Amino acid sequence: MRPKNKGTIINSVFLLCVFCLGFFAAAPLKMNAQEPSPVENETAGHDSDDLPEFRIGVKVDLVMLYASIMDKNNHFVSGLEQSQFRVLEDGVVQKIEFFAQEDVPVSMGLVLDLSGSMRGKIDQVNRAALAFLKAGNPGDEFFLIGFNDTVELLQDYTGDIDEIRDALENTVVAGKTFLYDAIYLGVEKALAGVKPKKAIVVITDGNDDTSYYSLKELIAKIQESDVQVFCVGLLDELPRKGIFSRWSNSEAKKYHDALVSISEETGGNAFFPRETSEIRGIVDEIARDLRGQYSIGYFSSNAASDGTFRRIKIELTGKKTDGMTIRHRRGYYAPR
């Protein structure tokens, strides 16, 4: 048999190589185009009757609120039912998914003013602070922050009140008052707690002495956290209304308004005793408040992850709730 021409053989081999290269280059493209979706992978090998139910959804977080209800005599109200509450987010009614009135353990911080002006008051403040801790839930955890011209963690989280007592006995009272810094760092520390509810109690007698954080920055911080802030302000001069029903323009008034704003934004409360001896009764009231709050949870109907601030309002319904007031945090920042 006559062999083929050498040039013909070379041309044939060349064409065969081109064909093979083209086939293997095209194969992955074809495989990728036909690659099954994750859902198809999950359902492969199952009969149609055994297929799990697949849904497309958006991950949402439960918005938890803690509400304190007071009657016209400023007494705590218990025994209300879920049907008597209505929650609105940016004016839109939300569906309540969780409701209870129970004593929820708290991650609690005491934030104490140790500036020089507290020298004659600190003993009574320390005794009131210890009484407050003893009135809490056995499952609570506590930390202690002291502040003057620095902010210091005097005792990390503990359930042992004796450790808090030892830290209080070793405090040194001197210096200025970096109030906003102390509250800011107290909120951050409370957020690190492991208990369902977070709160701090701030006891101070002075104006802020140029903290690193401004009041505006502090308000923004507490708005994005779920920490209740209770303030006890030992003002030397309580703000009074003048003859034209306007508050006197004083440092005490500025300080008073700042503590009220901080507390109300978080669902806490601000107190301004005239005498240091009144602190004991105030911290007892705060302890009762924390232990008697209503827990309310809902999933926001606004699923947008836009990082915007959303205003919350809780309303009471029904004739039996007439004259009652309610405290709760004013809003939260949506996730981004």
Protein backbone atom coordinates (compact mmCIF):
# COMPACT_ATOMS: atom_id res chain seq x y z
CA MET A 1 0.00 0.00 0.00
CA ARG A 2 1.40 3.36 -0.95
CA PRO A 3 2.20 5.62 2.03
CA LYS A 4 0.65 9.07 2.26
CA ASN A 5 2.56 12.16 1.35
CA LYS A 6 4.56 13.59 4.31
CA GLY A 7 2.84 16.97 3.99
CA THR A 8 -0.56 15.34 4.07
CA ILE A 9 0.29 13.52 7.31
CA ILE A 10 1.51 16.72 8.98
CA ASN A 11 -1.65 18.56 7.96
CA SER A 12 -3.83 15.78 9.34
CA VAL A 13 -2.02 15.77 12.69
CA PHE A 14 -2.31 19.55 12.89
CA LEU A 15 -6.07 19.45 12.25
CA LEU A 16 -6.50 16.70 14.84
CA CYS A 17 -4.67 18.80 17.49
CA VAL A 18 -6.77 21.85 16.73
CA PHE A 19 -9.94 19.78 17.06
CA CYS A 20 -8.85 18.34 20.41
CA LEU A 21 -7.86 21.72 21.83
CA GLY A 22 -11.17 23.18 20.77
CA PHE A 23 -13.10 20.36 22.40
CA PHE A 24 -11.34 20.58 25.77
CA ALA A 25 -11.54 24.38 25.81
CA ALA A 26 -15.28 24.28 25.17
CA ALA A 27 -16.04 21.51 27.65
CA PRO A 28 -15.71 23.59 30.86
CA LEU A 29 -17.93 26.31 29.43
CA LYS A 30 -20.61 23.77 28.70
CA MET A 31 -20.27 22.24 32.18
CA ASN A 32 -20.50 25.62 33.88
CA ALA A 33 -23.58 26.52 31.92
CA GLN A 34 -25.28 23.32 33.05
CA GLU A 35 -24.05 23.34 36.68
CA PRO A 36 -27.03 22.77 38.95
CA SER A 37 -28.10 25.44 41.44
CA PRO A 38 -27.57 24.89 45.19
CA VAL A 39 -31.26 24.02 45.53
CA GLU A 40 -30.92 21.41 42.74
CA ASN A 41 -27.89 19.94 44.50
CA GLU A 42 -29.86 19.70 47.75
CA THR A 43 -32.83 18.00 46.08
CA ALA A 44 -30.87 15.57 43.89
CA GLY A 45 -31.72 11.95 44.65
CA HIS A 46 -35.00 12.74 46.50
CA ASP A 47 -38.50 11.90 45.43
CA SER A 48 -40.78 14.89 44.96
CA ASP A 49 -42.84 13.92 48.02
CA ASP A 50 -39.72 14.02 50.22
CA LEU A 51 -38.44 17.41 49.06
CA PRO A 52 -37.88 19.95 51.83
CA GLU A 53 -39.69 23.27 51.58
CA PHE A 54 -37.42 26.03 50.26
CA ARG A 55 -38.18 29.68 50.85
CA ILE A 56 -36.44 32.86 49.82
CA GLY A 57 -36.30 35.27 52.77
CA VAL A 58 -34.38 38.06 54.41
CA LYS A 59 -32.50 37.63 57.66
CA VAL A 60 -34.10 39.85 60.30
CA ASP A 61 -33.37 40.42 63.99
CA LEU A 62 -35.82 40.48 66.85
CA VAL A 63 -36.18 44.00 68.23
CA MET A 64 -36.46 43.70 72.02
CA LEU A 65 -37.95 46.43 74.19
CA TYR A 66 -38.22 46.73 77.95
CA ALA A 67 -41.10 48.92 79.08
CA SER A 68 -41.86 50.40 82.50
CA ILE A 69 -45.52 51.29 83.16
CA MET A 70 -46.46 53.81 85.83
CA ASP A 71 -49.90 54.88 87.08
CA LYS A 72 -50.93 58.46 87.82
CA ASN A 73 -49.40 58.14 91.30
CA ASN A 74 -46.07 57.03 89.82
CA HIS A 75 -46.48 53.45 91.02
CA PHE A 76 -45.42 50.49 88.90
CA VAL A 77 -48.26 48.74 87.08
CA SER A 78 -48.19 44.96 86.67
CA GLY A 79 -50.62 42.46 85.23
CA LEU A 80 -51.19 44.09 81.83
CA GLU A 81 -51.79 41.83 78.83
CA GLN A 82 -50.26 41.84 75.35
CA SER A 83 -53.53 43.03 73.82
CA GLN A 84 -53.18 46.29 75.77
CA PHE A 85 -49.92 47.19 74.01
CA ARG A 86 -49.36 48.57 70.54
CA VAL A 87 -45.88 49.03 69.03
CA LEU A 88 -45.18 51.46 66.19
CA GLU A 89 -41.93 51.81 64.24
CA ASP A 90 -41.71 55.05 62.27
CA GLY A 91 -45.49 55.28 62.60
CA VAL A 92 -46.15 51.76 61.27
CA VAL A 93 -47.86 49.27 63.60
CA GLN A 94 -45.73 46.17 64.28
CA LYS A 95 -46.81 42.65 65.17
CA ILE A 96 -45.74 41.70 68.69
CA GLU A 97 -44.06 38.30 68.58
CA PHE A 98 -42.85 38.07 72.19
CA PHE A 99 -44.44 39.41 75.36
CA ALA A 100 -43.77 38.76 79.05
CA GLN A 101 -43.49 40.42 82.42
CA GLU A 102 -40.75 38.66 84.26
CA ASP A 103 -37.64 39.32 86.32
CA VAL A 104 -34.95 39.10 83.63
CA PRO A 105 -31.28 38.90 84.74
CA VAL A 106 -29.29 42.05 84.02
CA SER A 107 -25.73 42.88 83.04
CA MET A 108 -25.47 45.93 85.27
CA GLY A 109 -22.86 48.63 85.67
CA LEU A 110 -22.43 51.16 88.47
CA VAL A 111 -20.77 54.31 87.17
CA LEU A 112 -19.73 56.49 90.11
CA ASP A 113 -18.41 60.04 90.19
CA LEU A 114 -15.16 60.10 92.19
CA SER A 115 -14.29 63.75 91.53
CA GLY A 116 -13.18 65.97 94.37
CA SER A 117 -16.65 67.46 94.94
CA MET A 118 -17.96 64.01 95.93
CA ARG A 119 -15.69 63.79 98.98
CA GLY A 120 -18.43 64.48 101.54
CA LYS A 121 -21.02 62.30 99.76
CA ILE A 122 -19.18 59.18 98.71
CA ASP A 123 -19.87 57.14 101.86
CA GLN A 124 -23.63 57.45 101.48
CA VAL A 125 -23.36 56.79 97.75
CA ASN A 126 -21.37 53.61 98.35
CA ARG A 127 -23.89 52.31 100.88
CA ALA A 128 -26.76 53.02 98.49
CA ALA A 129 -24.90 51.30 95.65
CA LEU A 130 -24.42 48.12 97.70
CA ALA A 131 -28.08 48.14 98.73
CA PHE A 132 -29.03 48.44 95.08
CA LEU A 133 -26.95 45.40 94.14
CA LYS A 134 -28.47 43.32 96.94
CA ALA A 135 -31.97 44.15 95.68
CA GLY A 136 -31.23 42.70 92.24
CA ASN A 137 -31.87 39.31 90.66
CA PRO A 138 -29.59 36.51 91.95
CA GLY A 139 -28.60 35.90 88.32
CA ASP A 140 -27.42 39.48 87.73
CA GLU A 141 -23.80 40.32 86.98
CA PHE A 142 -22.19 43.63 87.94
CA PHE A 143 -19.22 45.81 87.11
CA LEU A 144 -17.98 49.03 88.68
CA ILE A 145 -16.56 52.10 86.91
CA GLY A 146 -15.17 55.11 88.73
CA PHE A 147 -14.50 58.42 87.02
CA ASN A 148 -12.94 61.81 87.69
CA ASP A 149 -10.41 63.17 85.19
CA THR A 150 -9.92 59.55 84.08
CA VAL A 151 -12.34 56.66 83.63
CA GLU A 152 -11.31 53.40 85.28
CA LEU A 153 -12.83 49.93 85.48
CA LEU A 154 -12.58 49.30 89.22
CA GLN A 155 -14.22 45.86 89.13
CA ASP A 156 -14.93 43.69 86.11
CA TYR A 157 -18.07 41.56 85.80
CA THR A 158 -18.86 39.58 88.91
CA GLY A 159 -21.82 38.10 90.72
CA ASP A 160 -20.07 38.50 94.08
CA ILE A 161 -21.18 41.68 95.85
CA ASP A 162 -18.23 41.43 98.24
CA GLU A 163 -15.88 42.08 95.31
CA ILE A 164 -17.79 45.27 94.51
CA ARG A 165 -17.66 46.27 98.19
CA ASP A 166 -13.90 45.82 98.28
CA ALA A 167 -13.51 47.96 95.15
CA LEU A 168 -15.70 50.72 96.64
CA GLU A 169 -13.68 50.78 99.85
CA ASN A 170 -10.47 51.39 97.88
CA THR A 171 -11.72 54.33 95.80
CA VAL A 172 -9.85 57.65 95.82
CA VAL A 173 -11.96 60.82 95.53
CA ALA A 174 -10.17 63.62 93.66
CA GLY A 175 -9.94 65.42 90.33
CA LYS A 176 -12.43 66.63 87.72
CA THR A 177 -15.57 65.11 86.16
CA PHE A 178 -15.35 63.40 82.76
CA LEU A 179 -19.01 62.43 82.84
CA TYR A 180 -19.78 61.78 79.16
CA ASP A 181 -16.69 59.63 78.73
CA ALA A 182 -17.71 57.54 81.74
CA ILE A 183 -21.25 56.95 80.45
CA TYR A 184 -19.96 56.15 76.94
CA LEU A 185 -17.51 53.54 78.24
CA GLY A 186 -20.09 52.24 80.72
CA VAL A 187 -22.50 51.56 77.85
CA GLU A 188 -19.76 49.75 75.92
CA LYS A 189 -18.97 47.59 78.94
CA ALA A 190 -22.66 46.79 79.52
CA LEU A 191 -22.97 45.64 75.91
CA ALA A 192 -20.24 43.08 76.59
CA GLY A 193 -22.36 41.44 79.30
CA VAL A 194 -23.96 38.03 78.81
CA LYS A 195 -27.35 38.66 80.43
CA PRO A 196 -30.47 39.41 78.34
CA LYS A 197 -30.97 42.91 79.73
CA LYS A 198 -28.29 45.63 79.94
CA ALA A 199 -28.30 48.71 82.17
CA ILE A 200 -26.06 51.20 83.96
CA VAL A 201 -26.71 53.48 86.93
CA VAL A 202 -24.76 56.75 86.95
CA ILE A 203 -24.36 58.71 90.20
CA THR A 204 -22.71 62.11 89.89
CA ASP A 205 -22.81 65.64 91.27
CA GLY A 206 -20.94 67.66 88.67
CA ASN A 207 -21.02 69.08 85.18
CA ASP A 208 -18.94 67.44 82.49
CA ASP A 209 -15.38 68.80 82.36
CA THR A 210 -14.62 68.57 78.63
CA SER A 211 -14.86 64.84 78.01
CA TYR A 212 -13.34 63.36 74.86
CA TYR A 213 -16.86 62.41 73.74
CA SER A 214 -19.42 65.16 73.23
CA LEU A 215 -23.04 64.92 74.36
CA LYS A 216 -24.06 64.48 70.70
CA GLU A 217 -21.66 61.56 70.26
CA LEU A 218 -22.87 60.01 73.51
CA ILE A 219 -26.53 60.24 72.43
CA ALA A 220 -25.62 58.56 69.12
CA LYS A 221 -23.87 55.78 71.06
CA ILE A 222 -26.82 55.02 73.31
CA GLN A 223 -29.22 55.11 70.36
CA GLU A 224 -27.36 52.30 68.63
CA SER A 225 -27.16 50.19 71.80
CA ASP A 226 -29.80 48.49 73.90
CA VAL A 227 -28.58 49.68 77.30
CA GLN A 228 -30.89 51.42 79.75
CA VAL A 229 -29.25 54.37 81.50
CA PHE A 230 -30.46 55.58 84.90
CA CYS A 231 -28.95 58.83 86.17
CA VAL A 232 -28.87 60.20 89.71
CA GLY A 233 -27.81 63.85 89.62
CA LEU A 234 -26.79 65.45 92.90
CA LEU A 235 -27.23 69.03 91.75
CA ASP A 236 -26.16 71.83 94.04
CA GLU A 237 -28.65 74.10 92.29
CA LEU A 238 -31.86 72.70 90.89
CA PRO A 239 -33.12 74.54 87.78
CA ARG A 240 -36.18 76.64 88.54
CA LYS A 241 -38.71 78.44 86.39
CA GLY A 242 -38.60 82.21 86.33
CA ILE A 243 -41.50 84.63 86.37
CA PHE A 244 -42.06 84.08 82.63
CA SER A 245 -42.24 80.27 83.09
CA ARG A 246 -38.87 79.74 81.47
CA TRP A 247 -36.06 77.74 82.94
CA SER A 248 -33.20 79.79 84.30
CA ASN A 249 -30.19 79.71 82.00
CA SER A 250 -27.59 78.04 84.21
CA GLU A 251 -25.00 75.29 84.12
CA ALA A 252 -27.26 73.27 86.41
CA LYS A 253 -30.07 73.49 83.87
CA LYS A 254 -27.77 72.37 81.04
CA TYR A 255 -26.57 69.46 83.15
CA HIS A 256 -30.13 68.58 84.20
CA ASP A 257 -31.34 68.50 80.58
CA ALA A 258 -28.39 66.37 79.44
CA LEU A 259 -29.04 63.67 82.04
CA VAL A 260 -32.76 63.67 81.23
CA SER A 261 -32.05 63.30 77.50
CA ILE A 262 -29.59 60.47 78.03
CA SER A 263 -31.97 58.54 80.29
CA GLU A 264 -35.17 59.05 78.31
CA GLU A 265 -33.56 57.99 75.05
CA THR A 266 -32.77 54.58 76.56
CA GLY A 267 -36.00 53.95 78.47
CA GLY A 268 -34.27 54.70 81.77
CA ASN A 269 -34.98 57.56 84.15
CA ALA A 270 -33.23 60.56 85.70
CA PHE A 271 -33.49 61.55 89.37
CA PHE A 272 -32.40 64.75 91.08
CA PRO A 273 -32.48 64.35 94.87
CA ARG A 274 -32.17 67.42 97.06
CA GLU A 275 -30.29 65.51 99.74
CA THR A 276 -27.72 62.74 99.51
CA SER A 277 -29.82 60.70 101.95
CA GLU A 278 -32.49 60.34 99.23
CA ILE A 279 -30.20 58.21 97.03
CA ARG A 280 -31.07 55.00 98.92
CA GLY A 281 -34.77 55.32 98.06
CA ILE A 282 -33.96 56.18 94.45
CA VAL A 283 -31.76 53.14 93.82
CA ASP A 284 -34.46 50.96 95.41
CA GLU A 285 -36.90 52.39 92.86
CA ILE A 286 -34.50 51.68 90.01
CA ALA A 287 -34.13 48.07 91.21
CA ARG A 288 -37.93 47.63 91.28
CA ASP A 289 -38.16 49.22 87.83
CA LEU A 290 -35.67 46.78 86.29
CA ARG A 291 -37.30 43.75 87.91
CA GLY A 292 -40.88 44.69 86.97
CA GLN A 293 -40.51 45.69 83.31
CA TYR A 294 -42.47 44.23 80.43
CA SER A 295 -40.44 42.48 77.70
CA ILE A 296 -41.77 43.10 74.19
CA GLY A 297 -40.27 41.74 70.96
CA TYR A 298 -41.11 42.15 67.29
CA PHE A 299 -39.60 41.64 63.84
CA SER A 300 -39.55 44.93 61.96
CA SER A 301 -41.83 45.12 58.93
CA ASN A 302 -39.11 47.26 57.33
CA ALA A 303 -36.60 44.69 56.03
CA ALA A 304 -34.25 47.29 54.48
CA SER A 305 -30.69 47.02 55.79
CA ASP A 306 -30.05 50.73 55.32
CA GLY A 307 -28.51 51.70 58.66
CA THR A 308 -31.16 54.35 59.33
CA PHE A 309 -32.43 55.31 62.77
CA ARG A 310 -35.95 54.06 63.41
CA ARG A 311 -38.20 55.67 65.97
CA ILE A 312 -40.21 53.40 68.26
CA LYS A 313 -43.37 54.25 70.15
CA ILE A 314 -45.32 51.98 72.49
CA GLU A 315 -48.94 52.87 73.19
CA LEU A 316 -51.35 51.48 75.77
CA THR A 317 -54.90 50.71 74.70
CA GLY A 318 -58.13 50.29 76.63
CA LYS A 319 -59.90 52.40 79.25
CA LYS A 320 -58.13 50.71 82.14
CA THR A 321 -54.83 52.21 80.95
CA ASP A 322 -55.99 55.83 81.12
CA GLY A 323 -53.54 58.02 83.02
CA MET A 324 -50.70 55.52 82.76
CA THR A 325 -47.30 56.53 81.43
CA ILE A 326 -44.76 54.32 79.73
CA ARG A 327 -40.96 54.43 79.44
CA HIS A 328 -38.98 52.57 76.81
CA ARG A 329 -36.08 53.17 74.47
CA ARG A 330 -36.91 55.61 71.72
CA GLY A 331 -35.48 53.73 68.74
CA TYR A 332 -32.62 51.81 67.17
CA TYR A 333 -30.34 51.81 64.15
CA ALA A 334 -31.17 49.27 61.44
CA PRO A 335 -28.32 46.96 60.37
CA ARG A 336 -26.35 47.79 57.24
